[in-house]
Amino acid sequence: ATAAAEPDGVVIEMRDRADQPISGLAFSGELERPATEAGKRPLMFREIRPGRYEARAGGLTGAWDFTAHATSRTGEHFAADRRLTWP
């Protein structure tokens, strides 16, 4: 999995071991400032193409801690934490 800061939000790319996109995941996430609990922002993701999930979150600047949770159609769970930075 990869997560990236985009000008209008966050993009996650999910691929399996054979480098094929993983579709149909239910994703949720949250952004939080690293030094404070102020400014928590929940994120709702949608699949914009196979294996690529996007959440809109405008007006972001600086460093944010990103937490993502995904569930597959078969009930498998995935969680990840990343630090993302916007200009």
N, C-alpha and C. Protein backbone atom coordinates (compact mmCIF):
# COMPACT_ATOMS: atom_id res chain seq x y z
N ALA A 1 0.84 -1.19 0.00
CA ALA A 1 0.00 0.00 0.00
C ALA A 1 0.88 1.24 0.00
N THR A 2 0.43 2.24 -0.71
CA THR A 2 1.09 3.54 -0.67
C THR A 2 0.04 4.60 -0.36
N ALA A 3 0.46 5.63 0.34
CA ALA A 3 -0.40 6.77 0.63
C ALA A 3 0.35 8.02 0.25
N ALA A 4 -0.37 8.98 -0.33
CA ALA A 4 0.28 10.20 -0.79
C ALA A 4 -0.59 11.41 -0.50
N ALA A 5 0.09 12.51 -0.16
CA ALA A 5 -0.58 13.80 0.01
C ALA A 5 -0.79 14.39 -1.38
N GLU A 6 -2.02 14.71 -1.71
CA GLU A 6 -2.38 15.36 -2.96
C GLU A 6 -2.92 16.75 -2.64
N PRO A 7 -2.93 17.66 -3.61
CA PRO A 7 -3.39 19.03 -3.30
C PRO A 7 -4.78 19.09 -2.66
N ASP A 8 -5.68 18.18 -3.03
CA ASP A 8 -7.05 18.22 -2.50
C ASP A 8 -7.36 17.12 -1.50
N GLY A 9 -6.35 16.38 -1.02
CA GLY A 9 -6.64 15.33 -0.06
C GLY A 9 -5.58 14.25 -0.02
N VAL A 10 -6.04 13.00 0.15
CA VAL A 10 -5.17 11.84 0.32
C VAL A 10 -5.54 10.78 -0.71
N VAL A 11 -4.52 10.14 -1.30
CA VAL A 11 -4.73 9.05 -2.23
C VAL A 11 -4.01 7.82 -1.71
N ILE A 12 -4.68 6.67 -1.74
CA ILE A 12 -4.11 5.39 -1.36
C ILE A 12 -4.14 4.47 -2.57
N GLU A 13 -3.03 3.80 -2.83
CA GLU A 13 -2.95 2.79 -3.88
C GLU A 13 -2.77 1.43 -3.21
N MET A 14 -3.63 0.48 -3.52
CA MET A 14 -3.55 -0.86 -2.96
C MET A 14 -3.28 -1.87 -4.08
N ARG A 15 -2.21 -2.69 -3.88
CA ARG A 15 -1.84 -3.72 -4.85
C ARG A 15 -1.49 -4.99 -4.11
N ASP A 16 -1.73 -6.13 -4.76
CA ASP A 16 -1.38 -7.40 -4.15
C ASP A 16 0.07 -7.78 -4.48
N ARG A 17 0.49 -8.96 -4.07
CA ARG A 17 1.87 -9.40 -4.29
C ARG A 17 2.23 -9.52 -5.77
N ALA A 18 1.23 -9.76 -6.61
CA ALA A 18 1.45 -9.85 -8.05
C ALA A 18 1.35 -8.49 -8.72
N ASP A 19 1.32 -7.40 -7.92
CA ASP A 19 1.23 -6.02 -8.39
C ASP A 19 -0.09 -5.72 -9.12
N GLN A 20 -1.14 -6.46 -8.76
CA GLN A 20 -2.46 -6.21 -9.32
C GLN A 20 -3.26 -5.34 -8.35
N PRO A 21 -4.08 -4.43 -8.86
CA PRO A 21 -4.86 -3.56 -7.97
C PRO A 21 -5.84 -4.36 -7.12
N ILE A 22 -6.02 -3.92 -5.88
CA ILE A 22 -6.99 -4.54 -4.97
C ILE A 22 -8.22 -3.64 -4.93
N SER A 23 -9.32 -4.15 -5.46
CA SER A 23 -10.56 -3.38 -5.54
C SER A 23 -11.55 -3.80 -4.47
N GLY A 24 -12.53 -2.94 -4.27
CA GLY A 24 -13.65 -3.27 -3.41
C GLY A 24 -13.40 -3.16 -1.92
N LEU A 25 -12.37 -2.42 -1.53
CA LEU A 25 -12.11 -2.24 -0.10
C LEU A 25 -12.98 -1.12 0.46
N ALA A 26 -13.38 -1.28 1.71
CA ALA A 26 -14.07 -0.21 2.42
C ALA A 26 -13.02 0.49 3.28
N PHE A 27 -12.71 1.75 2.95
CA PHE A 27 -11.66 2.51 3.62
C PHE A 27 -12.24 3.61 4.49
N SER A 28 -11.58 3.84 5.61
CA SER A 28 -11.82 5.04 6.41
C SER A 28 -10.46 5.52 6.88
N GLY A 29 -10.39 6.77 7.27
CA GLY A 29 -9.10 7.29 7.72
C GLY A 29 -9.27 8.55 8.53
N GLU A 30 -8.14 9.02 9.04
CA GLU A 30 -8.14 10.22 9.87
C GLU A 30 -6.79 10.92 9.74
N LEU A 31 -6.83 12.23 9.71
CA LEU A 31 -5.62 13.05 9.77
C LEU A 31 -5.59 13.74 11.13
N GLU A 32 -4.38 13.81 11.70
CA GLU A 32 -4.22 14.45 13.01
C GLU A 32 -2.86 15.15 13.03
N ARG A 33 -2.80 16.32 13.60
CA ARG A 33 -1.52 17.03 13.74
C ARG A 33 -0.60 16.23 14.66
N PRO A 34 0.69 16.10 14.32
CA PRO A 34 1.60 15.30 15.12
C PRO A 34 1.81 15.81 16.55
N ALA A 35 1.80 17.11 16.74
CA ALA A 35 2.15 17.68 18.05
C ALA A 35 0.96 17.96 18.94
N THR A 36 -0.25 17.78 18.42
CA THR A 36 -1.44 18.13 19.20
C THR A 36 -2.62 17.28 18.76
N GLU A 37 -3.62 17.18 19.60
CA GLU A 37 -4.83 16.47 19.20
C GLU A 37 -5.84 17.40 18.55
N ALA A 38 -5.53 18.68 18.51
CA ALA A 38 -6.43 19.64 17.85
C ALA A 38 -6.39 19.42 16.35
N GLY A 39 -7.52 19.63 15.72
CA GLY A 39 -7.55 19.58 14.27
C GLY A 39 -7.71 18.20 13.67
N LYS A 40 -8.23 17.24 14.41
CA LYS A 40 -8.48 15.92 13.83
C LYS A 40 -9.47 16.05 12.68
N ARG A 41 -9.16 15.33 11.58
CA ARG A 41 -10.04 15.38 10.41
C ARG A 41 -10.35 13.98 9.93
N PRO A 42 -11.59 13.54 10.07
CA PRO A 42 -11.96 12.23 9.53
C PRO A 42 -11.97 12.27 8.01
N LEU A 43 -11.66 11.16 7.39
CA LEU A 43 -11.62 11.05 5.94
C LEU A 43 -12.53 9.92 5.48
N MET A 44 -13.25 10.16 4.41
CA MET A 44 -14.08 9.13 3.79
C MET A 44 -13.52 8.88 2.38
N PHE A 45 -13.14 7.65 2.11
CA PHE A 45 -12.52 7.31 0.84
C PHE A 45 -13.53 6.71 -0.12
N ARG A 46 -13.26 6.92 -1.40
CA ARG A 46 -14.02 6.26 -2.46
C ARG A 46 -13.02 5.72 -3.47
N GLU A 47 -13.37 4.62 -4.09
CA GLU A 47 -12.51 4.02 -5.10
C GLU A 47 -12.74 4.76 -6.42
N ILE A 48 -11.69 5.38 -6.94
CA ILE A 48 -11.83 6.17 -8.17
C ILE A 48 -11.41 5.38 -9.40
N ARG A 49 -10.65 4.32 -9.20
CA ARG A 49 -10.34 3.34 -10.23
C ARG A 49 -9.81 2.11 -9.50
N PRO A 50 -9.72 0.96 -10.15
CA PRO A 50 -9.31 -0.24 -9.43
C PRO A 50 -8.03 -0.04 -8.61
N GLY A 51 -8.14 -0.24 -7.30
CA GLY A 51 -7.00 -0.16 -6.41
C GLY A 51 -6.58 1.23 -5.99
N ARG A 52 -7.26 2.27 -6.47
CA ARG A 52 -6.92 3.66 -6.12
C ARG A 52 -8.09 4.28 -5.38
N TYR A 53 -7.82 4.74 -4.16
CA TYR A 53 -8.84 5.29 -3.26
C TYR A 53 -8.48 6.73 -2.92
N GLU A 54 -9.50 7.59 -2.90
CA GLU A 54 -9.26 9.02 -2.71
C GLU A 54 -10.22 9.58 -1.66
N ALA A 55 -9.66 10.47 -0.82
CA ALA A 55 -10.47 11.22 0.15
C ALA A 55 -10.18 12.69 -0.04
N ARG A 56 -11.19 13.49 -0.13
CA ARG A 56 -11.04 14.94 -0.25
C ARG A 56 -10.83 15.56 1.12
N ALA A 57 -9.88 16.48 1.18
CA ALA A 57 -9.62 17.24 2.41
C ALA A 57 -8.85 18.49 2.01
N GLY A 58 -9.55 19.55 1.75
CA GLY A 58 -8.90 20.77 1.29
C GLY A 58 -8.30 21.59 2.41
N GLY A 59 -7.43 22.50 2.04
CA GLY A 59 -6.85 23.44 2.98
C GLY A 59 -5.79 22.89 3.90
N LEU A 60 -5.16 21.80 3.51
CA LEU A 60 -4.14 21.20 4.37
C LEU A 60 -2.77 21.82 4.10
N THR A 61 -2.03 22.09 5.18
CA THR A 61 -0.64 22.54 5.06
C THR A 61 0.16 21.87 6.17
N GLY A 62 1.45 21.70 5.92
CA GLY A 62 2.33 21.15 6.93
C GLY A 62 2.21 19.65 7.09
N ALA A 63 2.73 19.14 8.21
CA ALA A 63 2.78 17.70 8.49
C ALA A 63 1.52 17.24 9.22
N TRP A 64 1.02 16.07 8.82
CA TRP A 64 -0.13 15.44 9.45
C TRP A 64 0.16 13.95 9.60
N ASP A 65 -0.31 13.36 10.69
CA ASP A 65 -0.27 11.91 10.85
C ASP A 65 -1.55 11.34 10.27
N PHE A 66 -1.39 10.36 9.39
CA PHE A 66 -2.50 9.75 8.69
C PHE A 66 -2.67 8.31 9.16
N THR A 67 -3.88 7.95 9.51
CA THR A 67 -4.22 6.58 9.89
C THR A 67 -5.32 6.09 8.95
N ALA A 68 -5.13 4.89 8.40
CA ALA A 68 -6.12 4.32 7.48
C ALA A 68 -6.51 2.93 7.95
N HIS A 69 -7.77 2.59 7.73
CA HIS A 69 -8.31 1.27 8.02
C HIS A 69 -9.11 0.82 6.80
N ALA A 70 -8.87 -0.43 6.39
CA ALA A 70 -9.60 -0.98 5.26
C ALA A 70 -10.12 -2.37 5.61
N THR A 71 -11.26 -2.70 5.01
CA THR A 71 -11.83 -4.03 5.17
C THR A 71 -12.20 -4.54 3.78
N SER A 72 -11.79 -5.78 3.51
CA SER A 72 -12.11 -6.39 2.22
C SER A 72 -13.52 -6.98 2.25
N ARG A 73 -14.00 -7.40 1.10
CA ARG A 73 -15.33 -8.02 1.01
C ARG A 73 -15.39 -9.33 1.79
N THR A 74 -14.23 -9.96 2.02
CA THR A 74 -14.18 -11.22 2.75
C THR A 74 -13.92 -11.02 4.24
N GLY A 75 -13.84 -9.76 4.68
CA GLY A 75 -13.67 -9.47 6.10
C GLY A 75 -12.24 -9.30 6.57
N GLU A 76 -11.27 -9.35 5.64
CA GLU A 76 -9.88 -9.12 6.03
C GLU A 76 -9.68 -7.65 6.35
N HIS A 77 -8.83 -7.38 7.36
CA HIS A 77 -8.58 -6.00 7.80
C HIS A 77 -7.15 -5.59 7.49
N PHE A 78 -6.98 -4.30 7.21
CA PHE A 78 -5.69 -3.70 6.94
C PHE A 78 -5.65 -2.37 7.66
N ALA A 79 -4.53 -2.05 8.29
CA ALA A 79 -4.37 -0.75 8.94
C ALA A 79 -2.97 -0.23 8.65
N ALA A 80 -2.85 1.08 8.52
CA ALA A 80 -1.55 1.71 8.25
C ALA A 80 -1.51 3.10 8.85
N ASP A 81 -0.31 3.51 9.24
CA ASP A 81 -0.05 4.86 9.73
C ASP A 81 1.08 5.45 8.90
N ARG A 82 0.92 6.70 8.50
CA ARG A 82 1.96 7.39 7.73
C ARG A 82 1.98 8.86 8.14
N ARG A 83 3.11 9.49 7.99
CA ARG A 83 3.19 10.95 8.13
C ARG A 83 3.16 11.51 6.70
N LEU A 84 2.19 12.38 6.45
CA LEU A 84 2.06 13.02 5.15
C LEU A 84 2.30 14.51 5.32
N THR A 85 2.86 15.12 4.28
CA THR A 85 3.19 16.56 4.36
C THR A 85 2.67 17.27 3.13
N TRP A 86 2.00 18.40 3.38
CA TRP A 86 1.54 19.30 2.34
C TRP A 86 2.34 20.58 2.41
N PRO A 87 2.53 21.25 1.27
CA PRO A 87 3.30 22.51 1.29
C PRO A 87 2.58 23.61 2.07
